[in-house]
Amino acid sequence: VHTLTGKSETYFKETYASAIAKIDSLYAAHQWAAVTAVLDALGARAEALPTYAEMTAEQIQEMIALHTDLAAVTEENQRAYLQEKFAVALARLDASYAEYVRAEGLNAIGARINALPVYAEMTAEQAQEMLALVAAVEAMSAEDAAYITANFKDGYDRMVASYARFTRVQELDAIAARITALPDDFYAMTEADV
């Protein structure tokens, strides 16, 4: 019916309006059934995934792929269908994905911490990296900081010891700079120098 044009289309619309409306309705239902079959498959994949803490490496990869597939569902009625039918599974997936992103970020910071040598062997660039990492850990929530200290203990302990040494050296260098700034001759000193 939809391929007809011109006089034929007009004739059919005028003569068989209710039949064409019925066809349109059936075809729309058919299309929606095909769409919901795809949406149901996405929902089933979400239902099959456990929480992030219980996921295997393969399930993590499936979660990432599913998150991408779900993001591609942009039609409002399709998103509403998914949310209504698979609310629990989607909420679990969202929480797991957020935990995955958090863990990946913390693991990246942990890897940078583990790559630090002891302070005595640091280059100037590594010392700056250490300062940035110390600031990053200090800005973390208690839960995230606990994750770093638990999962990257050796590197974290090395960084803390290096930072303490760095801080002490900075203090000593500041004292040395004040000493160096004093006149060599006592009698040339001002009252402030004394």
Protein backbone atom coordinates (compact mmCIF):
# COMPACT_ATOMS: atom_id res chain seq x y z
CA VAL A 1 0.00 0.00 0.00
CA HIS A 2 2.77 2.42 0.88
CA THR A 3 4.38 2.04 -2.53
CA LEU A 4 1.33 3.39 -4.35
CA THR A 5 1.47 6.92 -5.72
CA GLY A 6 -0.75 9.43 -7.47
CA LYS A 7 -4.35 8.49 -8.32
CA SER A 8 -3.97 4.93 -7.06
CA GLU A 9 -2.87 6.15 -3.63
CA THR A 10 -5.75 8.64 -3.49
CA TYR A 11 -8.24 5.96 -4.52
CA PHE A 12 -7.04 3.53 -1.85
CA LYS A 13 -7.02 6.18 0.88
CA GLU A 14 -10.55 7.29 0.01
CA THR A 15 -12.01 3.83 -0.59
CA TYR A 16 -10.18 1.72 2.02
CA ALA A 17 -9.30 4.23 4.77
CA SER A 18 -10.17 1.90 7.68
CA ALA A 19 -8.33 -1.04 6.10
CA ILE A 20 -5.22 1.09 5.52
CA ALA A 21 -5.42 2.34 9.12
CA LYS A 22 -5.58 -1.29 10.24
CA ILE A 23 -2.55 -2.17 8.09
CA ASP A 24 -0.64 0.80 9.49
CA SER A 25 -1.51 -0.24 13.04
CA LEU A 26 -0.48 -3.88 12.45
CA TYR A 27 2.75 -2.81 10.77
CA ALA A 28 3.61 -0.45 13.65
CA ALA A 29 2.97 -3.30 16.12
CA HIS A 30 5.17 -5.58 14.03
CA GLN A 31 7.98 -3.03 14.06
CA TRP A 32 7.65 -2.48 17.82
CA ALA A 33 7.75 -6.26 18.37
CA ALA A 34 11.03 -6.42 16.44
CA VAL A 35 12.42 -3.53 18.48
CA THR A 36 11.35 -5.02 21.82
CA ALA A 37 13.00 -8.31 20.88
CA VAL A 38 16.29 -6.44 20.57
CA LEU A 39 15.64 -4.54 23.81
CA ASP A 40 14.75 -7.78 25.62
CA ALA A 41 18.06 -9.26 24.48
CA LEU A 42 19.91 -6.24 25.94
CA GLY A 43 17.96 -6.57 29.18
CA ALA A 44 18.72 -10.29 29.40
CA ARG A 45 22.44 -9.53 29.04
CA ALA A 46 22.18 -7.01 31.89
CA GLU A 47 20.30 -9.51 34.08
CA ALA A 48 23.02 -12.12 33.49
CA LEU A 49 25.76 -9.92 34.93
CA PRO A 50 26.61 -10.01 38.66
CA THR A 51 27.82 -7.00 40.63
CA TYR A 52 31.25 -5.60 39.71
CA ALA A 53 32.95 -7.19 42.73
CA GLU A 54 31.85 -10.65 41.52
CA MET A 55 32.68 -10.21 37.83
CA THR A 56 35.23 -12.24 35.92
CA ALA A 57 37.46 -10.53 33.35
CA GLU A 58 35.13 -11.76 30.59
CA GLN A 59 32.08 -10.36 32.37
CA ILE A 60 33.83 -7.00 32.76
CA GLN A 61 34.38 -6.93 28.99
CA GLU A 62 30.72 -7.87 28.46
CA MET A 63 29.68 -5.06 30.84
CA ILE A 64 31.72 -2.52 28.87
CA ALA A 65 30.24 -3.72 25.57
CA LEU A 66 26.71 -3.75 27.01
CA HIS A 67 27.16 -0.24 28.42
CA THR A 68 28.09 0.92 24.90
CA ASP A 69 25.12 -0.92 23.34
CA LEU A 70 22.69 0.57 25.85
CA ALA A 71 24.07 4.06 25.25
CA ALA A 72 23.16 3.61 21.58
CA VAL A 73 19.47 3.28 22.54
CA THR A 74 18.39 6.90 22.20
CA GLU A 75 14.66 6.64 21.42
CA GLU A 76 12.74 7.83 24.48
CA ASN A 77 10.07 5.12 24.26
CA GLN A 78 12.73 2.41 23.94
CA ARG A 79 14.66 3.74 26.95
CA ALA A 80 11.41 3.88 28.93
CA TYR A 81 10.66 0.26 27.96
CA LEU A 82 14.08 -0.90 29.15
CA GLN A 83 13.84 1.06 32.38
CA GLU A 84 10.39 -0.29 33.17
CA LYS A 85 11.15 -3.94 32.38
CA PHE A 86 14.80 -4.20 33.53
CA ALA A 87 15.08 -1.52 36.22
CA VAL A 88 16.92 -3.71 38.75
CA ALA A 89 19.41 -5.12 36.25
CA LEU A 90 20.10 -1.69 34.72
CA ALA A 91 20.65 -0.13 38.15
CA ARG A 92 23.09 -2.92 39.01
CA LEU A 93 24.84 -2.44 35.68
CA ASP A 94 25.13 1.33 36.18
CA ALA A 95 26.57 0.85 39.68
CA SER A 96 29.00 -1.80 38.43
CA TYR A 97 30.13 0.38 35.54
CA ALA A 98 30.70 3.33 37.88
CA GLU A 99 32.74 1.07 40.18
CA TYR A 100 34.74 -0.18 37.18
CA VAL A 101 35.53 3.37 36.05
CA ARG A 102 36.53 4.28 39.62
CA ALA A 103 38.76 1.20 39.95
CA GLU A 104 40.39 1.83 36.56
CA GLY A 105 41.23 5.39 37.60
CA LEU A 106 42.63 4.24 40.93
CA ASN A 107 44.59 1.44 39.27
CA ALA A 108 46.15 3.96 36.90
CA ILE A 109 47.22 6.11 39.86
CA GLY A 110 48.50 3.00 41.65
CA ALA A 111 50.58 2.02 38.63
CA ARG A 112 52.14 5.50 38.58
CA ILE A 113 52.89 5.19 42.32
CA ASN A 114 54.50 1.77 41.82
CA ALA A 115 56.73 3.21 39.06
CA LEU A 116 58.38 5.70 41.48
CA PRO A 117 61.96 5.00 42.69
CA VAL A 118 63.13 6.00 46.15
CA TYR A 119 63.76 9.70 46.66
CA ALA A 120 67.55 9.41 46.44
CA GLU A 121 67.24 8.03 42.88
CA MET A 122 64.58 10.41 41.59
CA THR A 123 65.05 12.78 38.68
CA ALA A 124 63.52 16.25 38.92
CA GLU A 125 60.62 15.05 36.75
CA GLN A 126 60.00 12.06 39.04
CA ALA A 127 60.03 14.36 42.07
CA GLN A 128 57.33 16.48 40.40
CA GLU A 129 55.37 13.30 39.60
CA MET A 130 55.67 12.29 43.26
CA LEU A 131 54.28 15.65 44.39
CA ALA A 132 51.35 15.31 41.99
CA LEU A 133 50.60 11.78 43.21
CA VAL A 134 50.79 12.77 46.87
CA ALA A 135 48.34 15.59 46.15
CA ALA A 136 46.05 13.19 44.24
CA VAL A 137 45.95 10.69 47.11
CA GLU A 138 45.38 13.45 49.68
CA ALA A 139 42.40 14.71 47.63
CA MET A 140 40.79 11.23 47.52
CA SER A 141 37.92 10.06 49.64
CA ALA A 142 38.86 7.83 52.56
CA GLU A 143 37.51 4.82 50.66
CA ASP A 144 39.62 5.51 47.56
CA ALA A 145 42.74 6.22 49.62
CA ALA A 146 42.20 2.91 51.45
CA TYR A 147 41.98 1.16 48.05
CA ILE A 148 45.36 2.65 47.05
CA THR A 149 47.06 1.78 50.35
CA ALA A 150 45.70 -1.77 50.26
CA ASN A 151 46.36 -2.59 46.61
CA PHE A 152 49.61 -0.68 46.06
CA LYS A 153 51.13 -0.93 49.54
CA ASP A 154 54.83 -1.23 48.60
CA GLY A 155 54.73 1.64 46.13
CA TYR A 156 52.60 3.75 48.47
CA ASP A 157 54.96 3.17 51.42
CA ARG A 158 57.93 4.04 49.20
CA MET A 159 56.20 7.21 48.05
CA VAL A 160 55.34 8.27 51.60
CA ALA A 161 58.93 7.72 52.75
CA SER A 162 60.26 9.56 49.70
CA TYR A 163 57.89 12.45 50.26
CA ALA A 164 58.95 12.70 53.92
CA ARG A 165 62.60 12.78 52.80
CA PHE A 166 61.82 15.32 50.09
CA THR A 167 60.05 17.55 52.61
CA ARG A 168 62.97 17.30 55.05
CA VAL A 169 65.50 18.13 52.33
CA GLN A 170 63.39 21.15 51.35
CA GLU A 171 63.47 22.33 54.98
CA LEU A 172 67.23 21.80 55.21
CA ASP A 173 67.80 23.57 51.89
CA ALA A 174 65.76 26.52 53.15
CA ILE A 175 67.89 26.69 56.31
CA ALA A 176 71.08 26.42 54.23
CA ALA A 177 69.88 29.25 51.97
CA ARG A 178 69.34 31.47 55.02
CA ILE A 179 72.85 30.64 56.29
CA THR A 180 74.35 31.36 52.88
CA ALA A 181 72.56 34.72 52.76
CA LEU A 182 74.28 35.94 55.95
CA PRO A 183 77.29 38.24 55.56
CA ASP A 184 80.67 36.58 56.09
CA ASP A 185 81.76 39.33 58.45
CA PHE A 186 79.96 39.48 61.78
CA TYR A 187 80.62 43.21 62.05
CA ALA A 188 78.98 43.78 58.70
CA MET A 189 75.73 42.25 59.94
CA THR A 190 72.61 44.30 60.46
CA GLU A 191 70.51 43.78 63.58
CA ALA A 192 68.14 41.66 61.48
CA ASP A 193 71.09 39.46 60.34
CA VAL A 194 72.12 38.93 63.96
